[in-house]
Amino acid sequence: MAGCVLFYPSQPVFGVLDDRHPAHPIDLLWALRCPTLFIYGGRDSVMPPNRLATLRSELNRWQVPAEVAVYPDADHAFASVPARYRASVDRDSWRRATDFIGTVIAR
């Protein structure tokens, strides 16, 4: 895979670890091996500042080739939930995503 873009990925941690959820997704970042762009809203309750800091820390720890883009005034699912829709953020995040993929494909 040349690259990956993740728009506001949900559930970085599970409420309980069990047979169906043996590990938190945020603890599996070491397995990412392609350049990855994470896109979040700054008001995303799923990824508050402390979780964003953990995400960045884990990406750095495992030397994952990744970028984290945060749109300060956007909420979770800012491009897909009508009540949270932010047209300017939607347009810019798609531009950023396509630029990112274009860059990794060109490498």
C-alpha atoms as a PDB file:
ATOM      1  CA  MET A   1       0.000   0.000   0.000  1.00  0.00           C
ATOM      2  CA  ALA A   2       1.394   3.373  -0.992  1.00  0.00           C
ATOM      3  CA  GLY A   3      -0.383   5.385   1.667  1.00  0.00           C
ATOM      4  CA  CYS A   4      -3.450   5.735   3.842  1.00  0.00           C
ATOM      5  CA  VAL A   5      -5.710   8.568   4.967  1.00  0.00           C
ATOM      6  CA  LEU A   6      -7.893   8.105   8.035  1.00  0.00           C
ATOM      7  CA  PHE A   7     -10.688  10.611   8.555  1.00  0.00           C
ATOM      8  CA  TYR A   8     -11.459  10.913  12.276  1.00  0.00           C
ATOM      9  CA  PRO A   9     -10.932   7.229  13.098  1.00  0.00           C
ATOM     10  CA  SER A  10     -13.177   6.289  15.991  1.00  0.00           C
ATOM     11  CA  GLN A  11     -12.621   4.246  19.093  1.00  0.00           C
ATOM     12  CA  PRO A  12      -8.888   4.529  19.787  1.00  0.00           C
ATOM     13  CA  VAL A  13      -9.553   2.591  22.979  1.00  0.00           C
ATOM     14  CA  PHE A  14     -12.239   0.110  23.936  1.00  0.00           C
ATOM     15  CA  GLY A  15     -14.169   0.277  27.192  1.00  0.00           C
ATOM     16  CA  VAL A  16     -13.151  -3.284  28.015  1.00  0.00           C
ATOM     17  CA  LEU A  17     -10.576  -5.643  26.548  1.00  0.00           C
ATOM     18  CA  ASP A  18     -12.023  -9.085  25.896  1.00  0.00           C
ATOM     19  CA  ASP A  19     -11.883 -11.940  23.371  1.00  0.00           C
ATOM     20  CA  ARG A  20     -13.489  -9.762  20.714  1.00  0.00           C
ATOM     21  CA  HIS A  21     -11.309  -6.742  21.535  1.00  0.00           C
ATOM     22  CA  PRO A  22      -7.966  -8.125  22.747  1.00  0.00           C
ATOM     23  CA  ALA A  23      -6.049  -4.862  22.287  1.00  0.00           C
ATOM     24  CA  HIS A  24      -6.779  -1.153  22.002  1.00  0.00           C
ATOM     25  CA  PRO A  25      -6.381   0.125  18.417  1.00  0.00           C
ATOM     26  CA  ILE A  26      -4.066   2.897  19.610  1.00  0.00           C
ATOM     27  CA  ASP A  27      -1.721   0.192  20.943  1.00  0.00           C
ATOM     28  CA  LEU A  28      -1.466  -1.391  17.484  1.00  0.00           C
ATOM     29  CA  LEU A  29      -0.044   1.623  15.665  1.00  0.00           C
ATOM     30  CA  TRP A  30       3.327  -0.121  15.435  1.00  0.00           C
ATOM     31  CA  ALA A  31       1.813  -2.265  12.657  1.00  0.00           C
ATOM     32  CA  LEU A  32       1.286   0.699  10.294  1.00  0.00           C
ATOM     33  CA  ARG A  33       3.967   0.545   7.636  1.00  0.00           C
ATOM     34  CA  CYS A  34       2.746   2.924   4.966  1.00  0.00           C
ATOM     35  CA  PRO A  35       2.675   6.705   5.162  1.00  0.00           C
ATOM     36  CA  THR A  36      -0.539   7.596   6.963  1.00  0.00           C
ATOM     37  CA  LEU A  37      -2.448  10.835   7.404  1.00  0.00           C
ATOM     38  CA  PHE A  38      -4.811  11.080  10.383  1.00  0.00           C
ATOM     39  CA  ILE A  39      -7.435  13.837  10.149  1.00  0.00           C
ATOM     40  CA  TYR A  40      -9.350  15.018  13.212  1.00  0.00           C
ATOM     41  CA  GLY A  41     -11.456  17.888  14.389  1.00  0.00           C
ATOM     42  CA  GLY A  42     -10.055  19.794  17.336  1.00  0.00           C
ATOM     43  CA  ARG A  43     -13.427  19.496  19.079  1.00  0.00           C
ATOM     44  CA  ASP A  44     -13.618  15.734  18.544  1.00  0.00           C
ATOM     45  CA  SER A  45     -14.683  14.174  21.851  1.00  0.00           C
ATOM     46  CA  VAL A  46     -13.328  10.797  20.674  1.00  0.00           C
ATOM     47  CA  MET A  47      -9.829  12.288  20.407  1.00  0.00           C
ATOM     48  CA  PRO A  48      -9.425  15.003  23.032  1.00  0.00           C
ATOM     49  CA  PRO A  49      -5.998  16.662  23.357  1.00  0.00           C
ATOM     50  CA  ASN A  50      -4.601  13.999  25.700  1.00  0.00           C
ATOM     51  CA  ARG A  51      -5.464  11.187  23.257  1.00  0.00           C
ATOM     52  CA  LEU A  52      -4.060  13.169  20.340  1.00  0.00           C
ATOM     53  CA  ALA A  53      -0.855  13.535  22.351  1.00  0.00           C
ATOM     54  CA  THR A  54      -0.826   9.760  22.953  1.00  0.00           C
ATOM     55  CA  LEU A  55      -1.427   9.141  19.243  1.00  0.00           C
ATOM     56  CA  ARG A  56       1.498  11.370  18.274  1.00  0.00           C
ATOM     57  CA  SER A  57       3.688   9.824  20.951  1.00  0.00           C
ATOM     58  CA  GLU A  58       2.963   6.267  19.797  1.00  0.00           C
ATOM     59  CA  LEU A  59       3.491   7.165  16.137  1.00  0.00           C
ATOM     60  CA  ASN A  60       6.839   8.678  17.088  1.00  0.00           C
ATOM     61  CA  ARG A  61       7.745   5.766  19.373  1.00  0.00           C
ATOM     62  CA  TRP A  62       7.178   3.228  16.601  1.00  0.00           C
ATOM     63  CA  GLN A  63       8.596   5.486  13.883  1.00  0.00           C
ATOM     64  CA  VAL A  64       5.390   5.244  11.873  1.00  0.00           C
ATOM     65  CA  PRO A  65       5.570   7.491   8.800  1.00  0.00           C
ATOM     66  CA  ALA A  66       2.524   9.563   9.706  1.00  0.00           C
ATOM     67  CA  GLU A  67       1.073  13.032   9.933  1.00  0.00           C
ATOM     68  CA  VAL A  68      -1.729  14.182  12.221  1.00  0.00           C
ATOM     69  CA  ALA A  69      -3.867  17.055  10.939  1.00  0.00           C
ATOM     70  CA  VAL A  70      -6.238  18.736  13.372  1.00  0.00           C
ATOM     71  CA  TYR A  71      -8.855  21.292  12.377  1.00  0.00           C
ATOM     72  CA  PRO A  72      -9.353  23.311  15.576  1.00  0.00           C
ATOM     73  CA  ASP A  73     -12.963  24.388  15.048  1.00  0.00           C
ATOM     74  CA  ALA A  74     -14.264  21.062  13.700  1.00  0.00           C
ATOM     75  CA  ASP A  75     -16.017  18.273  15.554  1.00  0.00           C
ATOM     76  CA  HIS A  76     -15.939  14.501  15.069  1.00  0.00           C
ATOM     77  CA  ALA A  77     -17.323  13.436  11.662  1.00  0.00           C
ATOM     78  CA  PHE A  78     -17.207  17.027  10.423  1.00  0.00           C
ATOM     79  CA  ALA A  79     -17.728  15.955   6.799  1.00  0.00           C
ATOM     80  CA  SER A  80     -20.415  13.324   7.264  1.00  0.00           C
ATOM     81  CA  VAL A  81     -22.836  14.356  10.011  1.00  0.00           C
ATOM     82  CA  PRO A  82     -25.121  17.217   8.905  1.00  0.00           C
ATOM     83  CA  ALA A  83     -25.260  18.895  12.328  1.00  0.00           C
ATOM     84  CA  ARG A  84     -21.437  18.946  12.490  1.00  0.00           C
ATOM     85  CA  TYR A  85     -20.728  19.700   8.834  1.00  0.00           C
ATOM     86  CA  ARG A  86     -18.052  22.308   8.162  1.00  0.00           C
ATOM     87  CA  ALA A  87     -17.841  23.054   4.420  1.00  0.00           C
ATOM     88  CA  SER A  88     -14.467  24.815   4.548  1.00  0.00           C
ATOM     89  CA  VAL A  89     -12.926  22.039   6.647  1.00  0.00           C
ATOM     90  CA  ASP A  90     -14.461  19.383   4.401  1.00  0.00           C
ATOM     91  CA  ARG A  91     -12.935  20.985   1.294  1.00  0.00           C
ATOM     92  CA  ASP A  92      -9.547  21.556   2.902  1.00  0.00           C
ATOM     93  CA  SER A  93      -9.337  18.070   4.413  1.00  0.00           C
ATOM     94  CA  TRP A  94     -10.082  16.468   1.019  1.00  0.00           C
ATOM     95  CA  ARG A  95      -7.458  18.682  -0.612  1.00  0.00           C
ATOM     96  CA  ARG A  96      -4.982  17.687   2.084  1.00  0.00           C
ATOM     97  CA  ALA A  97      -5.877  14.000   1.705  1.00  0.00           C
ATOM     98  CA  THR A  98      -5.519  13.960  -2.078  1.00  0.00           C
ATOM     99  CA  ASP A  99      -2.270  15.965  -1.914  1.00  0.00           C
ATOM    100  CA  PHE A 100      -0.918  13.507   0.652  1.00  0.00           C
ATOM    101  CA  ILE A 101      -1.792  10.451  -1.445  1.00  0.00           C
ATOM    102  CA  GLY A 102      -0.433  12.131  -4.578  1.00  0.00           C
ATOM    103  CA  THR A 103       2.851  12.763  -2.801  1.00  0.00           C
ATOM    104  CA  VAL A 104       3.263   9.222  -1.493  1.00  0.00           C
ATOM    105  CA  ILE A 105       2.357   7.706  -4.862  1.00  0.00           C
ATOM    106  CA  ALA A 106       4.930   9.912  -6.578  1.00  0.00           C
ATOM    107  CA  ARG A 107       7.739   8.599  -4.331  1.00  0.00           C
END
